[in-house]
Amino acid sequence: MAAANVENKPRSMTAGARNVLRSNDSASLWNCTLSPGWTQDESEILRKALMKFGIGNWAKIIDSGCLPGKTNAQMNLQLQRLLGQQSTAEFASLHIDPKVIGERNSKIQGPDIKRKNNCIVNTGGKLSREELRQRVLKNKEMYELPESDWKDIELPKTEDPVLLLEAKKEELRHLKQQLEKVQARISQMRKVQPARVEKLQEAVKNEA
């Protein structure tokens, strides 16, 4: 009996292991390019957010506060860089490490392979709804991480600089109000108990 034709899993996914590129994995030597306006740190945060919330779940990523100021369109462009391909629909909502796909795509060569910004451009016809569904299911089987890997991923919550400035202004306003109250009390005490105020002022000077 002929052996069944089994498609090999990616190198980074050993039996029972997580399908994630690690620093000690030779595949992790591959690095995606950055979309304009992105830093390497921001790209890494996006990568972890996609693993946690699923590919294309922009609303959850925005609500998490890990990438303040980034729009859906900006995150989608950087996702393409991470995946190494322009088409992202076949991974919709999957909890995958996009760099695994990017590393795989970086090695694909051939006369029919066209790239833009190091991303493979889809030159074929548009997939039907059923073909796309089957592609998502196949990618889910091959690349999706177990829930135990992504549910506890911690993302940084970067403060919006505008909101941070407003908070500092409010804090300064509150301190100013407190200072004014203290100064008013001192002024009142000076009228009622001038000797006591002078004694307190002298004590403060001596401690300074």
N, C-alpha and C. Protein backbone atom coordinates (compact mmCIF):
# COMPACT_ATOMS: atom_id res chain seq x y z
N MET A 1 0.85 -1.20 0.00
CA MET A 1 0.00 0.00 0.00
C MET A 1 0.88 1.24 0.00
N ALA A 2 0.54 2.19 -0.88
CA ALA A 2 1.36 3.40 -0.97
C ALA A 2 1.17 4.24 0.27
N ALA A 3 2.23 4.92 0.69
CA ALA A 3 2.15 5.76 1.88
C ALA A 3 1.29 6.97 1.59
N ALA A 4 0.56 7.40 2.59
CA ALA A 4 -0.32 8.56 2.43
C ALA A 4 0.52 9.80 2.19
N ASN A 5 0.00 10.69 1.35
CA ASN A 5 0.71 11.93 1.04
C ASN A 5 0.41 12.94 2.14
N VAL A 6 1.35 13.14 3.03
CA VAL A 6 1.15 14.02 4.17
C VAL A 6 2.00 15.28 3.99
N GLU A 7 1.37 16.44 4.08
CA GLU A 7 2.11 17.71 3.93
C GLU A 7 2.88 17.99 5.20
N ASN A 8 4.16 18.29 5.04
CA ASN A 8 5.00 18.55 6.21
C ASN A 8 4.59 19.82 6.91
N LYS A 9 4.63 19.80 8.24
CA LYS A 9 4.37 20.99 9.04
C LYS A 9 5.61 21.89 9.00
N PRO A 10 5.48 23.17 9.33
CA PRO A 10 6.65 24.06 9.34
C PRO A 10 7.70 23.57 10.31
N ARG A 11 8.96 23.87 10.03
CA ARG A 11 10.05 23.43 10.86
C ARG A 11 9.90 23.84 12.32
N SER A 12 9.33 25.03 12.54
CA SER A 12 9.25 25.53 13.90
C SER A 12 8.16 24.85 14.71
N MET A 13 7.38 23.97 14.06
CA MET A 13 6.32 23.27 14.79
C MET A 13 6.68 21.80 14.90
N THR A 14 7.37 21.43 15.96
CA THR A 14 7.70 20.04 16.21
C THR A 14 6.51 19.39 16.87
N ALA A 15 6.54 18.08 17.01
CA ALA A 15 5.40 17.36 17.57
C ALA A 15 5.04 17.90 18.93
N GLY A 16 3.83 18.45 19.04
CA GLY A 16 3.35 18.97 20.31
C GLY A 16 3.94 20.30 20.70
N ALA A 17 4.81 20.86 19.87
CA ALA A 17 5.45 22.13 20.24
C ALA A 17 4.64 23.30 19.70
N ARG A 18 4.95 24.49 20.19
CA ARG A 18 4.25 25.68 19.76
C ARG A 18 4.82 26.19 18.44
N ASN A 19 3.92 26.65 17.59
CA ASN A 19 4.32 27.11 16.27
C ASN A 19 4.72 28.57 16.35
N VAL A 20 5.84 28.83 17.04
CA VAL A 20 6.30 30.19 17.29
C VAL A 20 7.80 30.26 17.03
N LEU A 21 8.24 31.33 16.39
CA LEU A 21 9.67 31.52 16.20
C LEU A 21 10.29 32.02 17.48
N ARG A 22 11.39 31.41 17.90
CA ARG A 22 12.08 31.81 19.11
C ARG A 22 13.49 32.28 18.76
N SER A 23 14.13 32.94 19.73
CA SER A 23 15.47 33.49 19.49
C SER A 23 16.49 32.39 19.23
N ASN A 24 16.24 31.18 19.73
CA ASN A 24 17.20 30.10 19.52
C ASN A 24 16.84 29.24 18.30
N ASP A 25 15.85 29.67 17.54
CA ASP A 25 15.44 28.97 16.32
C ASP A 25 16.14 29.66 15.15
N SER A 26 16.79 28.88 14.29
CA SER A 26 17.50 29.48 13.17
C SER A 26 16.56 30.28 12.27
N ALA A 27 15.27 29.89 12.26
CA ALA A 27 14.32 30.62 11.43
C ALA A 27 14.13 32.04 11.90
N SER A 28 14.40 32.27 13.18
CA SER A 28 14.17 33.61 13.73
C SER A 28 15.20 34.61 13.24
N LEU A 29 16.21 34.13 12.47
CA LEU A 29 17.17 35.05 11.89
C LEU A 29 16.49 35.90 10.82
N TRP A 30 15.35 35.40 10.29
CA TRP A 30 14.60 36.19 9.32
C TRP A 30 13.90 37.33 10.03
N ASN A 31 13.98 38.52 9.46
CA ASN A 31 13.30 39.68 10.03
C ASN A 31 12.47 40.35 8.94
N CYS A 32 11.24 40.70 9.29
CA CYS A 32 10.38 41.38 8.33
C CYS A 32 10.82 42.83 8.18
N THR A 33 10.41 43.42 7.06
CA THR A 33 10.67 44.85 6.87
C THR A 33 9.61 45.64 7.63
N LEU A 34 9.90 46.91 7.86
CA LEU A 34 8.98 47.75 8.61
C LEU A 34 8.20 48.66 7.66
N SER A 35 6.90 48.76 7.92
CA SER A 35 6.07 49.70 7.19
C SER A 35 6.42 51.11 7.67
N PRO A 36 6.29 52.14 6.84
CA PRO A 36 6.62 53.52 7.27
C PRO A 36 5.88 53.90 8.55
N GLY A 37 6.63 54.51 9.48
CA GLY A 37 6.02 54.93 10.74
C GLY A 37 6.06 53.89 11.84
N TRP A 38 6.67 52.73 11.56
CA TRP A 38 6.75 51.66 12.56
C TRP A 38 8.18 51.48 13.05
N THR A 39 8.31 51.17 14.35
CA THR A 39 9.60 50.80 14.92
C THR A 39 9.63 49.28 15.08
N GLN A 40 10.81 48.74 15.33
CA GLN A 40 10.93 47.30 15.54
C GLN A 40 10.16 46.87 16.78
N ASP A 41 10.20 47.69 17.83
CA ASP A 41 9.47 47.36 19.07
C ASP A 41 7.97 47.33 18.82
N GLU A 42 7.47 48.30 18.06
CA GLU A 42 6.03 48.34 17.76
C GLU A 42 5.62 47.13 16.93
N SER A 43 6.47 46.75 15.99
CA SER A 43 6.18 45.58 15.16
C SER A 43 6.09 44.32 16.02
N GLU A 44 6.98 44.21 17.01
CA GLU A 44 6.97 43.05 17.90
C GLU A 44 5.72 43.05 18.78
N ILE A 45 5.28 44.23 19.21
CA ILE A 45 4.04 44.32 20.00
C ILE A 45 2.85 43.88 19.14
N LEU A 46 2.83 44.33 17.88
CA LEU A 46 1.75 43.93 16.97
C LEU A 46 1.75 42.42 16.78
N ARG A 47 2.94 41.85 16.61
CA ARG A 47 3.05 40.40 16.44
C ARG A 47 2.41 39.66 17.61
N LYS A 48 2.72 40.08 18.83
CA LYS A 48 2.17 39.42 20.02
C LYS A 48 0.66 39.67 20.13
N ALA A 49 0.23 40.88 19.75
CA ALA A 49 -1.20 41.20 19.81
C ALA A 49 -1.98 40.33 18.83
N LEU A 50 -1.42 40.09 17.65
CA LEU A 50 -2.07 39.24 16.66
C LEU A 50 -2.15 37.80 17.15
N MET A 51 -1.12 37.35 17.83
CA MET A 51 -1.14 36.01 18.40
C MET A 51 -2.23 35.90 19.47
N LYS A 52 -2.38 36.94 20.26
CA LYS A 52 -3.34 36.93 21.37
C LYS A 52 -4.79 37.10 20.91
N PHE A 53 -5.02 38.06 20.01
CA PHE A 53 -6.39 38.39 19.62
C PHE A 53 -6.83 37.78 18.30
N GLY A 54 -5.88 37.31 17.50
CA GLY A 54 -6.23 36.74 16.20
C GLY A 54 -5.98 37.72 15.07
N ILE A 55 -5.63 37.18 13.92
CA ILE A 55 -5.30 38.00 12.75
C ILE A 55 -6.50 38.85 12.33
N GLY A 56 -6.26 40.16 12.23
CA GLY A 56 -7.29 41.06 11.73
C GLY A 56 -8.29 41.55 12.76
N ASN A 57 -8.16 41.14 14.00
CA ASN A 57 -9.09 41.61 15.04
C ASN A 57 -8.60 42.96 15.58
N TRP A 58 -8.68 43.97 14.72
CA TRP A 58 -8.12 45.28 15.03
C TRP A 58 -8.81 45.96 16.20
N ALA A 59 -10.12 45.80 16.31
CA ALA A 59 -10.85 46.48 17.40
C ALA A 59 -10.32 46.04 18.77
N LYS A 60 -10.05 44.75 18.93
CA LYS A 60 -9.54 44.25 20.22
C LYS A 60 -8.13 44.78 20.48
N ILE A 61 -7.33 44.87 19.44
CA ILE A 61 -5.97 45.38 19.61
C ILE A 61 -6.01 46.85 20.00
N ILE A 62 -6.87 47.62 19.35
CA ILE A 62 -6.99 49.04 19.68
C ILE A 62 -7.50 49.22 21.10
N ASP A 63 -8.50 48.42 21.48
CA ASP A 63 -9.06 48.51 22.84
C ASP A 63 -8.05 48.14 23.91
N SER A 64 -7.07 47.28 23.56
CA SER A 64 -6.07 46.86 24.54
C SER A 64 -5.12 47.99 24.91
N GLY A 65 -5.02 49.02 24.04
CA GLY A 65 -4.15 50.16 24.33
C GLY A 65 -2.67 49.89 24.13
N CYS A 66 -2.33 48.77 23.48
CA CYS A 66 -0.90 48.43 23.33
C CYS A 66 -0.22 49.20 22.20
N LEU A 67 -1.01 49.71 21.26
CA LEU A 67 -0.43 50.46 20.13
C LEU A 67 -1.23 51.74 19.90
N PRO A 68 -1.16 52.68 20.83
CA PRO A 68 -1.95 53.91 20.70
C PRO A 68 -1.59 54.69 19.45
N GLY A 69 -2.62 55.19 18.78
CA GLY A 69 -2.39 56.00 17.59
C GLY A 69 -2.34 55.22 16.30
N LYS A 70 -2.20 53.89 16.37
CA LYS A 70 -2.14 53.08 15.15
C LYS A 70 -3.56 52.79 14.66
N THR A 71 -3.78 52.98 13.35
CA THR A 71 -5.09 52.74 12.75
C THR A 71 -5.18 51.32 12.20
N ASN A 72 -6.41 50.91 11.85
CA ASN A 72 -6.59 49.60 11.23
C ASN A 72 -5.72 49.44 9.99
N ALA A 73 -5.72 50.48 9.14
CA ALA A 73 -4.96 50.42 7.89
C ALA A 73 -3.46 50.29 8.15
N GLN A 74 -2.95 51.04 9.14
CA GLN A 74 -1.52 50.97 9.46
C GLN A 74 -1.14 49.58 9.98
N MET A 75 -1.99 49.03 10.85
CA MET A 75 -1.70 47.70 11.40
C MET A 75 -1.80 46.63 10.32
N ASN A 76 -2.75 46.79 9.39
CA ASN A 76 -2.89 45.81 8.31
C ASN A 76 -1.67 45.82 7.40
N LEU A 77 -1.12 47.01 7.12
CA LEU A 77 0.09 47.10 6.29
C LEU A 77 1.28 46.41 6.95
N GLN A 78 1.42 46.61 8.28
CA GLN A 78 2.53 45.97 8.97
C GLN A 78 2.29 44.46 9.10
N LEU A 79 1.03 44.05 9.20
CA LEU A 79 0.71 42.62 9.20
C LEU A 79 1.19 41.98 7.91
N GLN A 80 0.98 42.66 6.77
CA GLN A 80 1.45 42.14 5.49
C GLN A 80 2.96 41.94 5.51
N ARG A 81 3.68 42.89 6.12
CA ARG A 81 5.15 42.77 6.22
C ARG A 81 5.53 41.57 7.09
N LEU A 82 4.79 41.36 8.19
CA LEU A 82 5.07 40.24 9.08
C LEU A 82 4.81 38.89 8.39
N LEU A 83 3.71 38.85 7.62
CA LEU A 83 3.36 37.61 6.91
C LEU A 83 4.21 37.38 5.67
N GLY A 84 4.76 38.48 5.13
CA GLY A 84 5.52 38.37 3.90
C GLY A 84 4.63 38.16 2.69
N GLN A 85 3.36 38.53 2.79
CA GLN A 85 2.44 38.42 1.67
C GLN A 85 1.33 39.47 1.83
N GLN A 86 0.78 39.91 0.70
CA GLN A 86 -0.23 40.96 0.75
C GLN A 86 -1.60 40.43 1.15
N SER A 87 -1.91 39.20 0.79
CA SER A 87 -3.22 38.63 1.12
C SER A 87 -3.22 38.14 2.57
N THR A 88 -4.17 38.61 3.35
CA THR A 88 -4.24 38.22 4.77
C THR A 88 -5.51 37.44 5.10
N ALA A 89 -6.48 37.38 4.17
CA ALA A 89 -7.80 36.80 4.45
C ALA A 89 -7.72 35.33 4.84
N GLU A 90 -6.73 34.60 4.32
CA GLU A 90 -6.65 33.17 4.59
C GLU A 90 -6.22 32.87 6.03
N PHE A 91 -5.86 33.91 6.80
CA PHE A 91 -5.48 33.74 8.20
C PHE A 91 -6.46 34.46 9.15
N ALA A 92 -7.59 34.92 8.62
CA ALA A 92 -8.53 35.74 9.38
C ALA A 92 -8.92 35.09 10.70
N SER A 93 -8.69 35.84 11.79
CA SER A 93 -9.07 35.47 13.17
C SER A 93 -8.26 34.31 13.76
N LEU A 94 -7.25 33.82 13.03
CA LEU A 94 -6.45 32.72 13.55
C LEU A 94 -5.40 33.26 14.52
N HIS A 95 -5.18 32.51 15.60
CA HIS A 95 -4.14 32.86 16.58
C HIS A 95 -2.83 32.21 16.13
N ILE A 96 -2.09 32.92 15.30
CA ILE A 96 -0.85 32.38 14.75
C ILE A 96 0.28 33.37 14.99
N ASP A 97 1.50 32.85 14.87
CA ASP A 97 2.67 33.72 14.87
C ASP A 97 2.90 34.13 13.42
N PRO A 98 2.61 35.38 13.05
CA PRO A 98 2.76 35.77 11.64
C PRO A 98 4.17 35.63 11.11
N LYS A 99 5.16 35.67 12.00
CA LYS A 99 6.54 35.55 11.53
C LYS A 99 6.85 34.15 11.02
N VAL A 100 6.11 33.15 11.47
CA VAL A 100 6.29 31.80 10.95
C VAL A 100 5.93 31.78 9.47
N ILE A 101 4.82 32.43 9.13
CA ILE A 101 4.41 32.51 7.73
C ILE A 101 5.41 33.37 6.95
N GLY A 102 5.85 34.45 7.55
CA GLY A 102 6.81 35.32 6.88
C GLY A 102 8.11 34.62 6.57
N GLU A 103 8.58 33.81 7.51
CA GLU A 103 9.83 33.06 7.30
C GLU A 103 9.65 32.06 6.17
N ARG A 104 8.49 31.41 6.13
CA ARG A 104 8.20 30.46 5.05
C ARG A 104 8.15 31.17 3.70
N ASN A 105 7.44 32.30 3.66
CA ASN A 105 7.30 33.03 2.39
C ASN A 105 8.62 33.61 1.89
N SER A 106 9.53 33.92 2.82
CA SER A 106 10.81 34.50 2.41
C SER A 106 11.65 33.51 1.60
N LYS A 107 11.34 32.22 1.72
CA LYS A 107 12.13 31.19 1.02
C LYS A 107 11.49 30.75 -0.29
N ILE A 108 10.27 31.22 -0.54
CA ILE A 108 9.59 30.83 -1.78
C ILE A 108 10.17 31.59 -2.96
N GLN A 109 10.57 30.86 -3.98
CA GLN A 109 11.15 31.47 -5.18
C GLN A 109 10.51 30.85 -6.42
N GLY A 110 10.65 31.54 -7.52
CA GLY A 110 10.10 31.01 -8.77
C GLY A 110 9.76 32.13 -9.73
N PRO A 111 9.64 31.81 -11.00
CA PRO A 111 9.36 32.84 -12.01
C PRO A 111 7.99 33.50 -11.85
N ASP A 112 7.07 32.82 -11.20
CA ASP A 112 5.72 33.37 -11.03
C ASP A 112 5.56 34.15 -9.73
N ILE A 113 6.61 34.18 -8.92
CA ILE A 113 6.53 34.87 -7.63
C ILE A 113 6.90 36.35 -7.80
N LYS A 114 5.95 37.21 -7.50
CA LYS A 114 6.20 38.66 -7.58
C LYS A 114 6.09 39.24 -6.18
N ARG A 115 6.97 40.18 -5.87
CA ARG A 115 6.99 40.78 -4.53
C ARG A 115 6.91 42.30 -4.61
N LYS A 116 6.32 42.87 -3.56
CA LYS A 116 6.30 44.31 -3.37
C LYS A 116 6.54 44.57 -1.90
N ASN A 117 7.57 45.36 -1.58
CA ASN A 117 7.96 45.59 -0.19
C ASN A 117 8.25 44.27 0.52
N ASN A 118 8.89 43.35 -0.21
CA ASN A 118 9.23 42.01 0.30
C ASN A 118 8.01 41.15 0.61
N CYS A 119 6.84 41.55 0.11
CA CYS A 119 5.62 40.77 0.31
C CYS A 119 5.20 40.13 -1.01
N ILE A 120 4.83 38.87 -0.97
CA ILE A 120 4.36 38.18 -2.17
C ILE A 120 3.03 38.78 -2.59
N VAL A 121 2.95 39.13 -3.88
CA VAL A 121 1.73 39.72 -4.43
C VAL A 121 0.89 38.61 -5.04
N ASN A 122 -0.40 38.63 -4.76
CA ASN A 122 -1.30 37.62 -5.31
C ASN A 122 -1.58 37.93 -6.78
N THR A 123 -1.09 37.07 -7.67
CA THR A 123 -1.27 37.29 -9.10
C THR A 123 -2.33 36.35 -9.68
N GLY A 124 -2.88 35.46 -8.85
CA GLY A 124 -3.90 34.54 -9.33
C GLY A 124 -5.28 35.15 -9.24
N GLY A 125 -6.28 34.36 -9.60
CA GLY A 125 -7.66 34.82 -9.52
C GLY A 125 -8.14 34.88 -8.08
N LYS A 126 -9.23 35.59 -7.87
CA LYS A 126 -9.80 35.72 -6.53
C LYS A 126 -10.40 34.39 -6.09
N LEU A 127 -10.11 33.99 -4.83
CA LEU A 127 -10.64 32.75 -4.29
C LEU A 127 -12.14 32.87 -4.09
N SER A 128 -12.86 31.77 -4.33
CA SER A 128 -14.28 31.74 -4.01
C SER A 128 -14.44 31.67 -2.50
N ARG A 129 -15.65 31.90 -2.01
CA ARG A 129 -15.88 31.86 -0.57
C ARG A 129 -15.53 30.50 0.00
N GLU A 130 -15.87 29.43 -0.71
CA GLU A 130 -15.58 28.08 -0.23
C GLU A 130 -14.07 27.80 -0.27
N GLU A 131 -13.40 28.25 -1.32
CA GLU A 131 -11.95 28.06 -1.40
C GLU A 131 -11.24 28.80 -0.26
N LEU A 132 -11.71 30.00 0.05
CA LEU A 132 -11.12 30.77 1.14
C LEU A 132 -11.37 30.08 2.47
N ARG A 133 -12.58 29.55 2.65
CA ARG A 133 -12.90 28.85 3.90
C ARG A 133 -11.99 27.63 4.08
N GLN A 134 -11.77 26.89 3.01
CA GLN A 134 -10.90 25.73 3.08
C GLN A 134 -9.45 26.13 3.37
N ARG A 135 -9.03 27.26 2.81
CA ARG A 135 -7.67 27.75 3.04
C ARG A 135 -7.49 28.14 4.53
N VAL A 136 -8.50 28.79 5.09
CA VAL A 136 -8.44 29.18 6.51
C VAL A 136 -8.38 27.93 7.38
N LEU A 137 -9.20 26.93 7.08
CA LEU A 137 -9.20 25.69 7.86
C LEU A 137 -7.85 24.98 7.78
N LYS A 138 -7.26 24.98 6.60
CA LYS A 138 -5.94 24.34 6.43
C LYS A 138 -4.88 25.07 7.25
N ASN A 139 -4.91 26.41 7.19
CA ASN A 139 -3.94 27.20 7.96
C ASN A 139 -4.16 27.05 9.45
N LYS A 140 -5.41 26.91 9.86
CA LYS A 140 -5.73 26.69 11.27
C LYS A 140 -5.10 25.39 11.75
N GLU A 141 -5.25 24.35 10.94
CA GLU A 141 -4.69 23.04 11.30
C GLU A 141 -3.16 23.07 11.36
N MET A 142 -2.56 23.80 10.43
CA MET A 142 -1.11 23.79 10.33
C MET A 142 -0.41 24.76 11.27
N TYR A 143 -1.02 25.93 11.50
CA TYR A 143 -0.27 27.01 12.15
C TYR A 143 -0.86 27.55 13.45
N GLU A 144 -2.14 27.29 13.73
CA GLU A 144 -2.74 27.95 14.89
C GLU A 144 -2.13 27.45 16.19
N LEU A 145 -1.92 28.39 17.11
CA LEU A 145 -1.35 28.10 18.42
C LEU A 145 -2.42 27.56 19.35
N PRO A 146 -2.06 26.68 20.28
CA PRO A 146 -3.03 26.25 21.29
C PRO A 146 -3.39 27.42 22.20
N GLU A 147 -4.60 27.41 22.73
CA GLU A 147 -5.06 28.51 23.57
C GLU A 147 -4.14 28.76 24.75
N SER A 148 -3.54 27.71 25.28
CA SER A 148 -2.65 27.86 26.44
C SER A 148 -1.44 28.72 26.11
N ASP A 149 -1.12 28.85 24.82
CA ASP A 149 0.04 29.66 24.41
C ASP A 149 -0.28 31.14 24.28
N TRP A 150 -1.52 31.45 23.82
CA TRP A 150 -1.80 32.85 23.52
C TRP A 150 -2.68 33.57 24.55
N LYS A 151 -3.42 32.83 25.36
CA LYS A 151 -4.40 33.51 26.23
C LYS A 151 -3.73 34.35 27.32
N ASP A 152 -2.52 33.98 27.74
CA ASP A 152 -1.85 34.70 28.82
C ASP A 152 -0.76 35.65 28.33
N ILE A 153 -0.72 35.90 27.02
CA ILE A 153 0.26 36.86 26.50
C ILE A 153 -0.02 38.24 27.09
N GLU A 154 0.99 38.85 27.65
CA GLU A 154 0.84 40.18 28.24
C GLU A 154 1.34 41.24 27.26
N LEU A 155 0.52 42.25 27.06
CA LEU A 155 0.87 43.33 26.15
C LEU A 155 1.10 44.61 26.93
N PRO A 156 2.08 45.41 26.53
CA PRO A 156 2.30 46.69 27.22
C PRO A 156 1.15 47.63 26.95
N LYS A 157 0.82 48.44 27.93
CA LYS A 157 -0.22 49.46 27.74
C LYS A 157 0.49 50.80 27.70
N THR A 158 0.73 51.28 26.50
CA THR A 158 1.45 52.53 26.31
C THR A 158 0.51 53.70 26.52
N GLU A 159 0.94 54.64 27.35
CA GLU A 159 0.11 55.81 27.60
C GLU A 159 0.10 56.74 26.39
N ASP A 160 -1.09 57.22 26.06
CA ASP A 160 -1.22 58.23 25.01
C ASP A 160 -0.56 59.51 25.52
N PRO A 161 0.44 60.06 24.82
CA PRO A 161 1.15 61.25 25.32
C PRO A 161 0.22 62.45 25.56
N VAL A 162 -0.82 62.58 24.75
CA VAL A 162 -1.76 63.69 24.93
C VAL A 162 -2.53 63.51 26.23
N LEU A 163 -3.02 62.28 26.45
CA LEU A 163 -3.76 62.01 27.69
C LEU A 163 -2.84 62.15 28.91
N LEU A 164 -1.59 61.72 28.75
CA LEU A 164 -0.63 61.82 29.85
C LEU A 164 -0.38 63.29 30.20
N LEU A 165 -0.26 64.15 29.20
CA LEU A 165 -0.05 65.57 29.42
C LEU A 165 -1.27 66.19 30.12
N GLU A 166 -2.46 65.79 29.71
CA GLU A 166 -3.68 66.31 30.33
C GLU A 166 -3.75 65.89 31.79
N ALA A 167 -3.34 64.65 32.07
CA ALA A 167 -3.36 64.16 33.45
C ALA A 167 -2.37 64.94 34.32
N LYS A 168 -1.20 65.25 33.75
CA LYS A 168 -0.20 66.02 34.48
C LYS A 168 -0.70 67.44 34.75
N LYS A 169 -1.39 68.01 33.79
CA LYS A 169 -1.96 69.34 33.97
C LYS A 169 -3.00 69.34 35.09
N GLU A 170 -3.83 68.30 35.12
CA GLU A 170 -4.85 68.20 36.16
C GLU A 170 -4.20 68.02 37.53
N GLU A 171 -3.13 67.22 37.57
CA GLU A 171 -2.41 67.02 38.83
C GLU A 171 -1.80 68.33 39.32
N LEU A 172 -1.23 69.11 38.40
CA LEU A 172 -0.64 70.40 38.75
C LEU A 172 -1.71 71.38 39.26
N ARG A 173 -2.87 71.36 38.60
CA ARG A 173 -3.97 72.22 39.01
C ARG A 173 -4.43 71.88 40.43
N HIS A 174 -4.48 70.57 40.73
CA HIS A 174 -4.90 70.12 42.06
C HIS A 174 -3.89 70.56 43.13
N LEU A 175 -2.59 70.42 42.81
CA LEU A 175 -1.54 70.84 43.75
C LEU A 175 -1.59 72.35 43.99
N LYS A 176 -1.88 73.09 42.93
CA LYS A 176 -1.97 74.55 43.06
C LYS A 176 -3.13 74.93 43.98
N GLN A 177 -4.25 74.23 43.86
CA GLN A 177 -5.39 74.49 44.73
C GLN A 177 -5.05 74.20 46.20
N GLN A 178 -4.32 73.10 46.43
CA GLN A 178 -3.92 72.75 47.80
C GLN A 178 -2.99 73.81 48.37
N LEU A 179 -2.05 74.29 47.54
CA LEU A 179 -1.12 75.33 47.99
C LEU A 179 -1.88 76.61 48.36
N GLU A 180 -2.86 76.97 47.56
CA GLU A 180 -3.64 78.16 47.83
C GLU A 180 -4.41 78.02 49.15
N LYS A 181 -4.91 76.83 49.44
CA LYS A 181 -5.62 76.60 50.70
C LYS A 181 -4.68 76.74 51.90
N VAL A 182 -3.47 76.19 51.76
CA VAL A 182 -2.48 76.28 52.85
C VAL A 182 -2.09 77.73 53.08
N GLN A 183 -1.87 78.46 51.98
CA GLN A 183 -1.50 79.87 52.10
C GLN A 183 -2.62 80.68 52.74
N ALA A 184 -3.87 80.36 52.44
CA ALA A 184 -5.01 81.05 53.03
C ALA A 184 -5.08 80.78 54.53
N ARG A 185 -4.80 79.55 54.93
CA ARG A 185 -4.83 79.19 56.36
C ARG A 185 -3.71 79.91 57.11
N ILE A 186 -2.53 79.97 56.48
CA ILE A 186 -1.41 80.68 57.12
C ILE A 186 -1.75 82.15 57.30
N SER A 187 -2.36 82.73 56.26
CA SER A 187 -2.74 84.14 56.34
C SER A 187 -3.75 84.37 57.46
N GLN A 188 -4.69 83.42 57.61
CA GLN A 188 -5.70 83.56 58.67
C GLN A 188 -5.06 83.42 60.06
N MET A 189 -4.14 82.44 60.16
CA MET A 189 -3.46 82.23 61.45
C MET A 189 -2.62 83.44 61.84
N ARG A 190 -2.03 84.09 60.83
CA ARG A 190 -1.20 85.25 61.11
C ARG A 190 -2.03 86.38 61.75
N LYS A 191 -3.28 86.46 61.35
CA LYS A 191 -4.16 87.48 61.92
C LYS A 191 -4.61 87.11 63.33
N VAL A 192 -4.89 85.84 63.56
CA VAL A 192 -5.44 85.39 64.85
C VAL A 192 -4.33 85.09 65.84
N GLN A 193 -3.27 84.40 65.36
CA GLN A 193 -2.18 83.97 66.24
C GLN A 193 -0.83 84.35 65.62
N PRO A 194 -0.52 85.64 65.54
CA PRO A 194 0.73 86.07 64.90
C PRO A 194 1.98 85.51 65.57
N ALA A 195 1.96 85.39 66.88
CA ALA A 195 3.14 84.88 67.59
C ALA A 195 3.40 83.42 67.22
N ARG A 196 2.34 82.66 67.11
CA ARG A 196 2.49 81.23 66.78
C ARG A 196 3.02 81.07 65.35
N VAL A 197 2.54 81.90 64.43
CA VAL A 197 3.00 81.83 63.05
C VAL A 197 4.47 82.16 62.96
N GLU A 198 4.89 83.21 63.70
CA GLU A 198 6.29 83.59 63.69
C GLU A 198 7.18 82.47 64.24
N LYS A 199 6.65 81.80 65.28
CA LYS A 199 7.40 80.68 65.89
C LYS A 199 7.56 79.53 64.89
N LEU A 200 6.47 79.23 64.15
CA LEU A 200 6.52 78.16 63.14
C LEU A 200 7.47 78.52 62.01
N GLN A 201 7.45 79.75 61.57
CA GLN A 201 8.34 80.20 60.50
C GLN A 201 9.81 80.10 60.92
N GLU A 202 10.06 80.46 62.18
CA GLU A 202 11.42 80.37 62.70
C GLU A 202 11.90 78.92 62.75
N ALA A 203 10.98 78.02 63.13
CA ALA A 203 11.32 76.59 63.18
C ALA A 203 11.64 76.06 61.81
N VAL A 204 10.87 76.50 60.81
CA VAL A 204 11.11 76.05 59.44
C VAL A 204 12.46 76.53 58.94
N LYS A 205 12.80 77.76 59.24
CA LYS A 205 14.09 78.31 58.83
C LYS A 205 15.25 77.55 59.44
N ASN A 206 15.09 77.19 60.71
CA ASN A 206 16.15 76.46 61.40
C ASN A 206 16.37 75.07 60.85
N GLU A 207 15.27 74.46 60.34
CA GLU A 207 15.37 73.09 59.79
C GLU A 207 15.89 73.12 58.36
N ALA A 208 15.76 74.23 57.71
CA ALA A 208 16.18 74.33 56.28
C ALA A 208 17.70 74.21 56.14
